């Protein structure tokens, strides 16, 4: 794990009893990425913040820039133990590493469409390198439900949008809509292009994926009233 430096921020709570297990999770993620491409040089902030994570997991990741991301953990959360044993930690690490890789190239994105695609690429990248199943938020809405209520291209081109509404279900939008839509956009693109190399996994143009999303019925050129899709949210 030569390319990553782990920084243990423990003023808000010790992680000493979990350090060995967490180091193993980082090793799993590092090796998985190394099989596909050279892991990028990164600083990783690891901290314990009760109540500041995804409640269903007891952890959350955040990419800050191309060279740094954080993993925030809440071992007191009743769901954290299952996340640690079930691989959620190393999957989240891979997800955040992809964000950092993309930030070093085209960037996370300034528009809603670019953000959807960055999240979809990161989710599909996890499955590509780990061989895992889609996360609950990536399958919160299925392809048919999303095709039944396609989003307009003009809406995806907006630079001012409510990120919390699209990704976390604030307002009238279903929870995790953005994650599910981005996942399906990238899934359709991958199906259309076949095997892609490491550089493409990171640097593919959002415009290329949006073009396939239009052909796949997930996005429409028509500006019209859009009903929210209804799906089975598992968490």
Protein backbone atom coordinates (compact mmCIF):
# COMPACT_ATOMS: atom_id res chain seq x y z
CA UNK A 1 0.00 0.00 0.00
CA UNK A 2 2.93 2.25 -0.81
CA UNK A 3 0.90 4.91 -2.65
CA UNK A 4 -1.52 5.61 0.22
CA UNK A 5 -0.78 7.33 3.50
CA UNK A 6 -3.38 6.76 6.21
CA UNK A 7 -3.89 9.58 8.71
CA UNK A 8 -5.68 8.54 11.90
CA UNK A 9 -7.62 11.51 13.29
CA UNK A 10 -8.52 10.39 16.78
CA UNK A 11 -9.17 13.57 18.74
CA UNK A 12 -12.89 12.89 18.26
CA UNK A 13 -12.59 9.22 19.27
CA UNK A 14 -10.06 6.40 19.28
CA UNK A 15 -10.01 3.70 16.60
CA UNK A 16 -7.17 1.75 18.21
CA UNK A 17 -9.23 -1.40 18.69
CA UNK A 18 -10.19 -1.45 15.00
CA UNK A 19 -6.95 -0.30 13.42
CA UNK A 20 -5.79 -3.78 12.34
CA UNK A 21 -9.12 -4.65 10.75
CA UNK A 22 -9.34 -1.30 9.02
CA UNK A 23 -5.81 -1.62 7.69
CA UNK A 24 -6.85 -4.96 6.20
CA UNK A 25 -9.82 -3.32 4.49
CA UNK A 26 -7.54 -0.72 2.92
CA UNK A 27 -5.19 -3.49 1.78
CA UNK A 28 -8.09 -5.34 0.11
CA UNK A 29 -9.12 -2.18 -1.74
CA UNK A 30 -5.55 -1.34 -2.72
CA UNK A 31 -4.86 -4.79 -4.14
CA UNK A 32 -8.15 -4.84 -6.06
CA UNK A 33 -7.35 -1.53 -7.75
CA UNK A 34 -3.72 -2.51 -8.37
CA UNK A 35 -4.90 -5.49 -10.43
CA UNK A 36 -6.51 -3.04 -12.87
CA UNK A 37 -4.29 0.05 -12.74
CA UNK A 38 -1.54 1.67 -10.67
CA UNK A 39 -3.17 3.00 -7.47
CA UNK A 40 -2.94 6.80 -7.27
CA UNK A 41 -0.91 8.61 -4.65
CA UNK A 42 -3.39 9.53 -1.89
CA UNK A 43 -3.73 10.85 1.63
CA UNK A 44 -6.63 9.24 3.50
CA UNK A 45 -8.19 10.79 6.59
CA UNK A 46 -9.76 8.25 8.95
CA UNK A 47 -11.94 9.52 11.77
CA UNK A 48 -14.54 8.44 14.29
CA UNK A 49 -17.59 10.70 14.41
CA UNK A 50 -20.70 9.29 16.11
CA UNK A 51 -23.89 10.16 14.27
CA UNK A 52 -22.10 11.60 11.24
CA UNK A 53 -22.31 8.61 8.93
CA UNK A 54 -24.86 6.80 6.75
CA UNK A 55 -27.18 5.41 9.40
CA UNK A 56 -27.70 2.07 7.65
CA UNK A 57 -23.93 1.46 7.46
CA UNK A 58 -22.17 3.36 10.22
CA UNK A 59 -19.66 4.80 7.76
CA UNK A 60 -19.39 7.35 4.97
CA UNK A 61 -16.68 8.37 2.50
CA UNK A 62 -15.95 11.73 0.95
CA UNK A 63 -13.49 12.69 -1.77
CA UNK A 64 -12.05 16.18 -1.33
CA UNK A 65 -9.65 16.43 -4.24
CA UNK A 66 -7.57 14.28 -6.56
CA UNK A 67 -5.09 13.44 -3.79
CA UNK A 68 -7.26 13.08 -0.68
CA UNK A 69 -10.41 11.46 0.64
CA UNK A 70 -11.82 10.65 4.07
CA UNK A 71 -13.47 7.66 5.69
CA UNK A 72 -15.70 8.58 8.63
CA UNK A 73 -16.68 5.71 10.91
CA UNK A 74 -19.13 5.25 13.76
CA UNK A 75 -18.31 1.95 15.51
CA UNK A 76 -21.11 2.64 18.01
CA UNK A 77 -23.65 2.42 15.21
CA UNK A 78 -25.38 -1.00 15.46
CA UNK A 79 -24.90 -1.52 11.71
CA UNK A 80 -21.17 -0.84 11.67
CA UNK A 81 -20.03 -4.36 12.62
CA UNK A 82 -21.95 -5.89 9.70
CA UNK A 83 -20.50 -3.27 7.34
CA UNK A 84 -16.98 -4.08 8.46
CA UNK A 85 -17.44 -7.85 8.19
CA UNK A 86 -19.46 -7.67 4.98
CA UNK A 87 -17.00 -5.67 2.89
CA UNK A 88 -18.78 -2.32 2.85
CA UNK A 89 -15.65 -0.56 4.10
CA UNK A 90 -13.35 -1.66 1.28
CA UNK A 91 -16.10 -1.10 -1.30
CA UNK A 92 -16.49 2.47 -0.07
CA UNK A 93 -12.73 2.96 -0.24
CA UNK A 94 -12.68 1.88 -3.91
CA UNK A 95 -15.64 4.17 -4.63
CA UNK A 96 -13.85 7.19 -3.17
CA UNK A 97 -10.60 6.34 -4.93
CA UNK A 98 -12.44 6.44 -8.26
CA UNK A 99 -13.76 9.91 -7.37
CA UNK A 100 -10.18 11.02 -6.70
CA UNK A 101 -9.00 9.53 -10.00
CA UNK A 102 -11.75 11.32 -11.90
CA UNK A 103 -11.01 14.58 -10.07
CA UNK A 104 -7.49 14.35 -11.48
CA UNK A 105 -8.97 14.14 -14.99
CA UNK A 106 -12.30 15.63 -16.14
CA UNK A 107 -13.40 16.34 -12.55
CA UNK A 108 -16.41 15.28 -10.52
CA UNK A 109 -18.54 17.66 -12.58
CA UNK A 110 -20.35 20.97 -12.36
CA UNK A 111 -23.71 19.91 -13.78
CA UNK A 112 -26.32 17.50 -12.48
CA UNK A 113 -25.63 15.13 -15.38
CA UNK A 114 -21.90 15.10 -14.70
CA UNK A 115 -22.50 14.38 -11.01
CA UNK A 116 -24.85 11.50 -11.85
CA UNK A 117 -22.25 10.00 -14.17
CA UNK A 118 -19.39 10.41 -11.69
CA UNK A 119 -21.41 8.52 -9.08
CA UNK A 120 -22.47 5.88 -11.58
CA UNK A 121 -18.90 5.36 -12.76
CA UNK A 122 -17.63 5.02 -9.20
CA UNK A 123 -20.34 2.47 -8.38
CA UNK A 124 -19.67 0.42 -11.51
CA UNK A 125 -15.92 0.65 -10.89
CA UNK A 126 -16.39 -0.96 -7.47
CA UNK A 127 -18.19 -3.88 -9.08
CA UNK A 128 -15.54 -4.05 -11.81
CA UNK A 129 -12.59 -4.38 -9.41
CA UNK A 130 -14.27 -6.15 -6.46
CA UNK A 131 -16.89 -8.26 -8.24
CA UNK A 132 -19.56 -7.15 -5.77
CA UNK A 133 -23.29 -6.69 -6.19
CA UNK A 134 -24.85 -3.22 -6.62
CA UNK A 135 -25.26 -1.28 -3.41
CA UNK A 136 -28.81 -0.70 -2.06
CA UNK A 137 -28.80 2.92 -3.30
CA UNK A 138 -27.70 1.82 -6.77
CA UNK A 139 -30.66 -0.56 -7.07
CA UNK A 140 -33.21 1.60 -5.27
CA UNK A 141 -34.91 2.15 -8.65
CA UNK A 142 -34.73 -0.25 -11.55
CA UNK A 143 -34.14 0.42 -15.23
CA UNK A 144 -37.80 0.14 -16.24
CA UNK A 145 -38.97 2.54 -13.54
CA UNK A 146 -36.36 5.10 -14.61
CA UNK A 147 -37.22 4.69 -18.29
CA UNK A 148 -40.89 5.26 -17.48
CA UNK A 149 -40.03 8.74 -16.22
CA UNK A 150 -36.98 9.92 -18.20
CA UNK A 151 -35.23 13.07 -17.07
CA UNK A 152 -34.86 15.92 -19.57
CA UNK A 153 -31.43 16.67 -21.01
CA UNK A 154 -31.87 20.35 -20.21
CA UNK A 155 -32.38 19.46 -16.54
CA UNK A 156 -29.15 17.46 -16.53
CA UNK A 157 -27.26 20.42 -17.98
CA UNK A 158 -28.16 22.61 -15.00
CA UNK A 159 -25.24 23.86 -12.92
CA UNK A 160 -27.54 24.86 -10.06
CA UNK A 161 -29.39 21.85 -8.71
CA UNK A 162 -30.36 20.39 -5.35
CA UNK A 163 -27.79 17.65 -4.72
CA UNK A 164 -29.54 16.49 -1.54
CA UNK A 165 -32.85 16.15 -3.36
CA UNK A 166 -31.42 14.14 -6.23
CA UNK A 167 -29.18 11.86 -4.21
CA UNK A 168 -30.76 11.67 -0.75
CA UNK A 169 -34.48 12.13 -1.36
CA UNK A 170 -35.14 15.63 -0.08
CA UNK A 171 -38.35 17.19 -1.41
CA UNK A 172 -40.50 15.17 -3.78
CA UNK A 173 -37.78 12.94 -5.24
CA UNK A 174 -37.35 9.28 -4.23
CA UNK A 175 -34.42 8.54 -1.94
CA UNK A 176 -31.25 7.68 -3.86
CA UNK A 177 -32.73 8.57 -7.27
CA UNK A 178 -29.44 10.10 -8.41
CA UNK A 179 -27.37 7.08 -7.47
CA UNK A 180 -29.76 4.67 -9.20
CA UNK A 181 -30.04 6.83 -12.34
CA UNK A 182 -26.29 7.34 -12.61
CA UNK A 183 -25.69 3.63 -12.10
CA UNK A 184 -28.11 2.71 -14.90
CA UNK A 185 -26.67 5.36 -17.24
CA UNK A 186 -23.19 3.94 -16.86
CA UNK A 187 -24.52 0.37 -17.05
CA UNK A 188 -26.11 1.10 -20.43
CA UNK A 189 -22.93 2.79 -21.66
CA UNK A 190 -20.80 -0.17 -20.62
CA UNK A 191 -23.18 -2.53 -22.41
CA UNK A 192 -22.83 -0.45 -25.59
CA UNK A 193 -19.03 -0.19 -25.62
CA UNK A 194 -17.96 -3.53 -24.17
CA UNK A 195 -14.62 -3.90 -22.36
CA UNK A 196 -12.96 -0.58 -21.52
CA UNK A 197 -9.40 0.15 -20.45
CA UNK A 198 -8.26 1.78 -17.20
CA UNK A 199 -7.95 5.24 -18.72
CA UNK A 200 -11.49 5.13 -20.08
CA UNK A 201 -12.88 4.02 -16.70
CA UNK A 202 -11.56 7.28 -15.27
CA UNK A 203 -11.63 9.81 -18.09
CA UNK A 204 -14.63 8.94 -20.26
CA UNK A 205 -16.56 12.03 -21.27
CA UNK A 206 -19.89 12.58 -19.54
CA UNK A 207 -21.25 13.59 -22.94
CA UNK A 208 -20.54 10.11 -24.34
CA UNK A 209 -22.47 8.43 -21.53
CA UNK A 210 -25.35 10.91 -21.80
CA UNK A 211 -25.67 10.12 -25.50
CA UNK A 212 -26.17 6.43 -24.68
CA UNK A 213 -28.59 7.37 -21.88
CA UNK A 214 -30.74 9.20 -24.45
CA UNK A 215 -30.72 6.15 -26.74
CA UNK A 216 -31.58 3.93 -23.77
CA UNK A 217 -34.64 5.97 -22.82
CA UNK A 218 -33.26 7.23 -19.52
CA UNK A 219 -32.92 10.79 -20.80
CA UNK A 220 -35.16 12.74 -23.15
CA UNK A 221 -34.65 15.86 -25.22
CA UNK A 222 -38.24 16.85 -24.46
CA UNK A 223 -38.83 19.39 -21.72
CA UNK A 224 -42.01 18.27 -20.02
CA UNK A 225 -43.49 17.59 -16.62
CA UNK A 226 -41.77 14.57 -15.17
CA UNK A 227 -43.42 12.26 -12.67
CA UNK A 228 -41.17 10.79 -10.02
CA UNK A 229 -40.38 7.11 -10.58
CA UNK A 230 -41.60 4.69 -7.98
CA UNK A 231 -39.37 1.84 -6.88
CA UNK A 232 -38.70 -0.55 -4.05
CA UNK A 233 -36.23 1.16 -1.76
CA UNK A 234 -34.59 -1.59 0.26
CA UNK A 235 -33.17 0.44 3.14
